[in-house]
Amino acid sequence: MTRYLTFIALMATVGVCQALEMLGQTTDGYVKAHIKPPPRTVFEVYLDVKRNPYGALGTFDFSHSDEQSKTCYRVLGRRSAGPDDVRQVTMASEQGHALCQHLLGTLYEAGNGVSQDLYRARMLYLQAAPNDPNAYVELGRMARDGVGEPVDFVRARALFRQAGPGGVVGLGGLMEQGKGGPQDVQGALNLYMQTTRNFRDPAWGAMRALLDNGMSLDTAQVEKYNQLWISGFQSLQQMKIKRDASLKKFRYTEWMRLTVSYRFPVEQGRPAVSLVESSGDSQLDETVLRVLDKLPMDDPYMAPAGMRTPDMVAPIILGPGFFGS
């Protein structure tokens, strides 16, 4: 059965929500990364090989648009926090800005731009948490890993629950391991599936790890999984097109439409793309096919038993202003 992915260029957005909640190293790895060279950004630390798949450290909400939030977001992306960065974040923190309190706590925990002070980090997380629930993720992680306090898995579970969606991966990890309460791997899987909102977000990643170890989803969960998979497929296609320099070089005097079809191997893998309907410009067609061939959709689509991943047919519309000015 062929599925049609409606792809309207003017309204499509790149799916980058994965950046809102990222998995990272254990606390020790995080701290060492900020003390020893070479310096790395906070994001690079969060994404570093995921040695501990339940080490959700530095979960931030990137939806705020006020100036203080923007300032703290900029500091979050620095390779190391300088004196002016610390001053600005501290000022916002002292004014009661929860996100900046949370960020300042990570600086003190890591010794990044300031002297390491785990007690002060914890106090900042506690101040931030009522208005920034993601700060509970840090508190839960500290309790789970014994950072500046005795290990307390029961308390860690409670704190991860208070964090809401941001704490799901931490809570689910303890459920999988039977730490701080009964072992409940199926409950963890259900929690991940209930929480995941985007293809390859942290809850998706935790869910995929369990599926790779032989667990399975029920019918409703498979339907949600496939909907997110298709949405991720669309976003990946859009991103590949938007970022390709060779497509930006074309002179678009009018809107042009072509249609492509993706066929996956019998054993799930990266799809081969072919042209279904030409744009009328063979050079543009060939460039689009080159850009989109073998899209990295390594997570499998969940086709019924004995059936292969269906072909995906996608109209693509390119034109003036599509790539920006």
Protein backbone atom coordinates (compact mmCIF):
# COMPACT_ATOMS: atom_id res chain seq x y z
CA MET A 1 0.00 0.00 0.00
CA THR A 2 1.43 3.36 -1.01
CA ARG A 3 1.46 6.18 1.49
CA TYR A 4 1.44 9.79 0.33
CA LEU A 5 3.48 12.32 2.26
CA THR A 6 1.99 15.73 1.58
CA PHE A 7 4.87 18.13 1.45
CA ILE A 8 3.91 21.82 1.25
CA ALA A 9 7.08 23.83 1.10
CA LEU A 10 5.76 27.11 2.48
CA MET A 11 4.38 25.55 5.64
CA ALA A 12 6.79 22.72 6.39
CA THR A 13 9.23 23.11 9.23
CA VAL A 14 12.34 21.20 10.07
CA GLY A 15 11.82 18.79 12.92
CA VAL A 16 14.51 19.70 15.43
CA CYS A 17 12.71 19.12 18.72
CA GLN A 18 15.23 16.46 19.58
CA ALA A 19 17.37 19.37 20.83
CA LEU A 20 14.88 20.29 23.60
CA GLU A 21 15.60 17.20 25.61
CA MET A 22 18.90 15.40 25.08
CA LEU A 23 20.52 12.35 26.61
CA GLY A 24 24.09 12.58 27.84
CA GLN A 25 26.78 11.15 30.04
CA THR A 26 26.78 10.38 33.73
CA THR A 27 27.50 13.30 36.03
CA ASP A 28 31.19 12.39 36.36
CA GLY A 29 31.56 12.43 32.58
CA TYR A 30 29.78 15.77 32.36
CA VAL A 31 31.96 17.39 35.01
CA LYS A 32 35.22 16.05 33.57
CA ALA A 33 34.25 17.26 30.11
CA HIS A 34 34.03 20.83 31.38
CA ILE A 35 37.20 20.75 33.44
CA LYS A 36 39.63 18.99 31.13
CA PRO A 37 40.56 20.02 27.58
CA PRO A 38 39.53 20.01 24.85
CA PRO A 39 36.54 22.18 25.74
CA ARG A 40 33.19 21.24 24.27
CA THR A 41 29.79 22.86 24.18
CA VAL A 42 27.10 21.66 26.58
CA PHE A 43 25.26 20.17 23.61
CA GLU A 44 28.30 18.17 22.56
CA VAL A 45 28.55 16.74 26.06
CA TYR A 46 24.87 15.81 26.12
CA LEU A 47 25.18 13.96 22.83
CA ASP A 48 28.48 12.24 23.60
CA VAL A 49 28.01 8.58 22.69
CA LYS A 50 25.20 8.13 25.25
CA ARG A 51 27.35 5.90 27.44
CA ASN A 52 24.62 5.97 30.09
CA PRO A 53 21.28 5.89 28.23
CA TYR A 54 19.48 7.09 31.37
CA GLY A 55 21.82 9.99 32.14
CA ALA A 56 19.51 12.81 31.07
CA LEU A 57 21.59 15.78 32.19
CA GLY A 58 20.82 19.37 31.33
CA THR A 59 17.26 19.05 30.09
CA PHE A 60 16.16 22.54 29.08
CA ASP A 61 12.98 24.10 27.74
CA PHE A 62 13.85 26.09 24.62
CA SER A 63 10.39 27.55 24.07
CA HIS A 64 10.94 30.85 25.92
CA SER A 65 11.40 34.05 23.90
CA ASP A 66 12.10 36.70 26.56
CA GLU A 67 15.46 38.45 26.48
CA GLN A 68 16.80 36.85 29.67
CA SER A 69 16.03 33.39 28.32
CA LYS A 70 17.75 34.24 25.03
CA THR A 71 20.83 35.39 26.94
CA CYS A 72 20.96 32.16 28.91
CA TYR A 73 20.41 30.06 25.79
CA ARG A 74 23.45 31.75 24.23
CA VAL A 75 25.58 30.94 27.27
CA LEU A 76 24.36 27.34 27.17
CA GLY A 77 25.91 26.99 23.71
CA ARG A 78 29.33 28.36 24.69
CA ARG A 79 32.33 26.04 24.79
CA SER A 80 33.11 27.49 28.21
CA ALA A 81 31.40 30.19 30.25
CA GLY A 82 33.41 33.40 30.48
CA PRO A 83 33.22 36.02 33.25
CA ASP A 84 30.66 38.09 31.34
CA ASP A 85 28.54 35.00 30.70
CA VAL A 86 28.55 34.11 34.39
CA ARG A 87 27.71 37.69 35.33
CA GLN A 88 24.70 37.83 32.99
CA VAL A 89 23.35 34.43 34.04
CA THR A 90 23.88 35.26 37.72
CA MET A 91 22.07 38.59 37.34
CA ALA A 92 19.08 36.91 35.68
CA SER A 93 19.14 34.17 38.28
CA GLU A 94 19.11 36.65 41.16
CA GLN A 95 16.09 38.31 39.57
CA GLY A 96 14.25 35.01 39.90
CA HIS A 97 14.46 33.80 36.29
CA ALA A 98 13.96 30.05 36.65
CA LEU A 99 15.62 28.90 33.42
CA CYS A 100 18.72 30.97 34.21
CA GLN A 101 18.78 29.62 37.78
CA HIS A 102 18.72 26.14 36.29
CA LEU A 103 21.54 26.97 33.89
CA LEU A 104 23.63 28.60 36.61
CA GLY A 105 23.21 25.41 38.63
CA THR A 106 24.76 23.38 35.81
CA LEU A 107 27.70 25.81 35.70
CA TYR A 108 28.34 25.34 39.43
CA GLU A 109 27.91 21.59 39.19
CA ALA A 110 30.41 21.37 36.35
CA GLY A 111 32.81 24.04 37.58
CA ASN A 112 32.30 25.76 34.23
CA GLY A 113 33.34 29.43 34.56
CA VAL A 114 33.00 29.24 38.34
CA SER A 115 34.47 27.17 41.16
CA GLN A 116 32.67 23.85 41.42
CA ASP A 117 30.07 23.95 44.18
CA LEU A 118 27.65 21.02 44.25
CA TYR A 119 25.70 22.40 47.22
CA ARG A 120 25.06 25.69 45.45
CA ALA A 121 24.13 23.82 42.26
CA ARG A 122 21.51 21.85 44.18
CA MET A 123 20.11 25.00 45.80
CA LEU A 124 19.79 26.67 42.39
CA TYR A 125 17.96 23.64 40.99
CA LEU A 126 15.58 23.75 43.96
CA GLN A 127 14.93 27.46 43.38
CA ALA A 128 14.28 26.90 39.69
CA ALA A 129 12.17 23.75 39.88
CA PRO A 130 8.75 25.24 40.84
CA ASN A 131 8.78 27.31 37.63
CA ASP A 132 11.10 25.12 35.55
CA PRO A 133 10.16 21.46 36.15
CA ASN A 134 13.14 20.32 34.10
CA ALA A 135 15.34 21.35 37.04
CA TYR A 136 13.85 18.34 38.84
CA VAL A 137 15.69 16.20 36.28
CA GLU A 138 18.99 17.50 37.66
CA LEU A 139 17.88 16.85 41.24
CA GLY A 140 16.74 13.35 40.33
CA ARG A 141 20.02 12.66 38.57
CA MET A 142 22.03 13.87 41.58
CA ALA A 143 20.04 11.58 43.87
CA ARG A 144 20.37 8.66 41.47
CA ASP A 145 24.12 9.08 40.88
CA GLY A 146 25.07 10.18 44.39
CA VAL A 147 26.33 13.62 43.30
CA GLY A 148 27.15 15.51 46.48
CA GLU A 149 24.73 13.32 48.44
CA PRO A 150 24.15 9.63 49.17
CA VAL A 151 22.58 7.57 46.39
CA ASP A 152 18.81 7.46 46.89
CA PHE A 153 16.92 5.70 44.11
CA VAL A 154 13.53 6.11 45.81
CA ARG A 155 13.99 9.88 45.98
CA ALA A 156 15.34 9.90 42.44
CA ARG A 157 12.16 8.26 41.16
CA ALA A 158 10.02 10.83 42.96
CA LEU A 159 12.04 13.73 41.55
CA PHE A 160 11.95 12.37 38.00
CA ARG A 161 8.15 12.09 38.32
CA GLN A 162 7.98 15.74 39.41
CA ALA A 163 9.94 16.70 36.30
CA GLY A 164 7.11 15.54 34.04
CA PRO A 165 8.04 14.68 30.43
CA GLY A 166 11.65 15.74 30.95
CA GLY A 167 12.10 13.13 33.67
CA VAL A 168 10.57 10.20 31.82
CA VAL A 169 13.83 8.72 30.57
CA GLY A 170 15.40 8.90 34.02
CA LEU A 171 12.32 7.41 35.67
CA GLY A 172 11.95 4.71 33.03
CA GLY A 173 15.59 3.74 33.42
CA LEU A 174 15.10 3.12 37.14
CA MET A 175 11.95 1.13 36.39
CA GLU A 176 13.86 -1.00 33.91
CA GLN A 177 16.60 -1.68 36.44
CA GLY A 178 14.28 -2.18 39.42
CA LYS A 179 16.02 0.56 41.41
CA GLY A 180 14.01 2.60 43.90
CA GLY A 181 10.97 0.41 43.37
CA PRO A 182 9.73 -2.70 41.57
CA GLN A 183 11.28 -3.66 38.25
CA ASP A 184 8.75 -2.94 35.51
CA VAL A 185 10.24 -3.06 32.04
CA GLN A 186 6.85 -3.18 30.33
CA GLY A 187 5.75 -0.16 32.36
CA ALA A 188 8.88 1.70 31.25
CA LEU A 189 8.15 0.89 27.61
CA ASN A 190 4.57 2.12 28.00
CA LEU A 191 5.83 5.29 29.66
CA TYR A 192 8.26 5.98 26.82
CA MET A 193 5.57 5.42 24.19
CA GLN A 194 3.08 7.60 26.05
CA THR A 195 5.60 10.44 26.31
CA THR A 196 7.40 10.40 22.96
CA ARG A 197 6.26 13.28 20.77
CA ASN A 198 8.86 13.34 18.03
CA PHE A 199 10.86 10.87 16.00
CA ARG A 200 14.16 10.27 17.80
CA ASP A 201 13.43 12.38 20.87
CA PRO A 202 14.84 10.97 24.15
CA ALA A 203 11.74 8.90 24.97
CA TRP A 204 11.82 7.48 21.43
CA GLY A 205 15.47 6.52 21.90
CA ALA A 206 14.75 4.75 25.19
CA MET A 207 11.80 2.97 23.58
CA ARG A 208 13.91 1.86 20.61
CA ALA A 209 16.50 0.34 22.97
CA LEU A 210 13.81 -1.89 24.49
CA LEU A 211 12.44 -2.88 21.09
CA ASP A 212 15.96 -3.80 19.99
CA ASN A 213 16.11 -6.11 23.02
CA GLY A 214 13.04 -8.04 21.94
CA MET A 215 10.08 -6.18 23.42
CA SER A 216 7.05 -5.33 21.29
CA LEU A 217 4.31 -2.71 21.01
CA ASP A 218 0.56 -3.20 21.02
CA THR A 219 -1.62 -2.16 18.09
CA ALA A 220 -2.29 1.39 19.29
CA GLN A 221 1.38 1.91 20.08
CA VAL A 222 2.41 0.67 16.63
CA GLU A 223 0.03 3.16 15.04
CA LYS A 224 1.55 6.03 17.03
CA TYR A 225 5.06 4.78 16.28
CA ASN A 226 4.40 4.73 12.54
CA GLN A 227 2.79 8.18 12.58
CA LEU A 228 5.89 9.61 14.28
CA TRP A 229 8.12 7.66 11.90
CA ILE A 230 6.39 9.17 8.85
CA SER A 231 6.57 12.64 10.40
CA GLY A 232 10.28 12.08 10.98
CA PHE A 233 10.69 10.93 7.40
CA GLN A 234 9.08 14.16 6.17
CA SER A 235 11.25 16.29 8.41
CA LEU A 236 14.42 14.52 7.34
CA GLN A 237 13.53 14.95 3.67
CA GLN A 238 12.81 18.64 4.24
CA MET A 239 16.06 19.15 6.12
CA LYS A 240 18.14 17.44 3.43
CA ILE A 241 16.63 19.67 0.75
CA LYS A 242 16.87 22.88 2.77
CA ARG A 243 20.52 22.33 3.66
CA ASP A 244 21.82 21.24 0.27
CA ALA A 245 24.06 23.87 -1.32
CA SER A 246 23.67 22.49 -4.85
CA LEU A 247 19.87 22.96 -4.77
CA LYS A 248 20.27 26.51 -3.51
CA LYS A 249 22.26 27.39 -6.65
CA PHE A 250 19.31 26.86 -8.99
CA ARG A 251 17.55 29.96 -10.20
CA TYR A 252 13.90 29.57 -9.27
CA THR A 253 11.78 31.98 -11.30
CA GLU A 254 8.59 30.07 -10.53
CA TRP A 255 7.37 27.28 -8.30
CA MET A 256 8.40 23.85 -9.53
CA ARG A 257 6.93 20.51 -8.50
CA LEU A 258 8.32 17.02 -8.82
CA THR A 259 7.34 13.75 -7.20
CA VAL A 260 9.67 11.08 -5.91
CA SER A 261 9.16 7.56 -4.62
CA TYR A 262 11.17 5.80 -1.93
CA ARG A 263 11.59 2.04 -1.86
CA PHE A 264 13.04 0.33 1.18
CA PRO A 265 15.01 -2.92 1.02
CA VAL A 266 13.22 -6.10 2.09
CA GLU A 267 15.29 -5.98 5.26
CA GLN A 268 14.82 -2.48 6.69
CA GLY A 269 17.50 -0.11 5.51
CA ARG A 270 18.03 3.19 3.74
CA PRO A 271 15.64 3.68 0.82
CA ALA A 272 16.48 4.13 -2.85
CA VAL A 273 14.70 7.10 -4.43
CA SER A 274 13.29 7.29 -7.96
CA LEU A 275 11.49 9.92 -10.00
CA VAL A 276 7.72 9.60 -10.41
CA GLU A 277 6.92 12.99 -11.93
CA SER A 278 9.47 15.39 -13.42
CA SER A 279 9.73 19.07 -12.61
CA GLY A 280 10.44 19.73 -16.27
CA ASP A 281 14.08 20.47 -15.47
CA SER A 282 16.15 17.29 -15.77
CA GLN A 283 19.12 18.80 -13.99
CA LEU A 284 16.97 19.76 -11.02
CA ASP A 285 15.40 16.30 -10.99
CA GLU A 286 18.81 14.61 -10.94
CA THR A 287 20.05 16.88 -8.14
CA VAL A 288 17.01 16.19 -5.97
CA LEU A 289 17.38 12.44 -6.49
CA ARG A 290 21.04 12.59 -5.53
CA VAL A 291 20.30 14.60 -2.40
CA LEU A 292 17.49 12.32 -1.23
CA ASP A 293 18.92 8.91 -2.12
CA LYS A 294 19.54 6.68 0.92
CA LEU A 295 17.92 8.92 3.53
CA PRO A 296 19.20 7.72 6.95
CA MET A 297 15.95 6.22 8.25
CA ASP A 298 17.69 3.52 10.25
CA ASP A 299 14.85 3.00 12.73
CA PRO A 300 12.45 0.55 11.08
CA TYR A 301 8.90 1.24 9.99
CA MET A 302 6.61 -1.27 11.70
CA ALA A 303 5.00 -3.12 8.83
CA PRO A 304 2.65 -6.07 9.49
CA ALA A 305 4.34 -9.45 9.81
CA GLY A 306 5.50 -10.76 6.45
CA MET A 307 5.19 -7.38 4.73
CA ARG A 308 7.89 -4.92 3.76
CA THR A 309 7.97 -1.20 4.43
CA PRO A 310 5.51 0.42 1.98
CA ASP A 311 6.81 2.66 -0.78
CA MET A 312 6.68 6.33 0.16
CA VAL A 313 5.59 8.83 -2.49
CA ALA A 314 6.38 12.47 -1.83
CA PRO A 315 5.57 15.59 -3.87
CA ILE A 316 8.33 18.21 -3.58
CA ILE A 317 7.74 21.88 -4.32
CA LEU A 318 10.60 24.31 -4.81
CA GLY A 319 10.45 27.93 -5.79
CA PRO A 320 11.36 31.59 -5.17
CA GLY A 321 12.14 32.23 -1.52
CA PHE A 322 12.10 28.56 -0.53
CA PHE A 323 15.69 28.70 0.69
CA GLY A 324 15.34 32.19 2.15
CA SER A 325 16.92 35.38 0.93
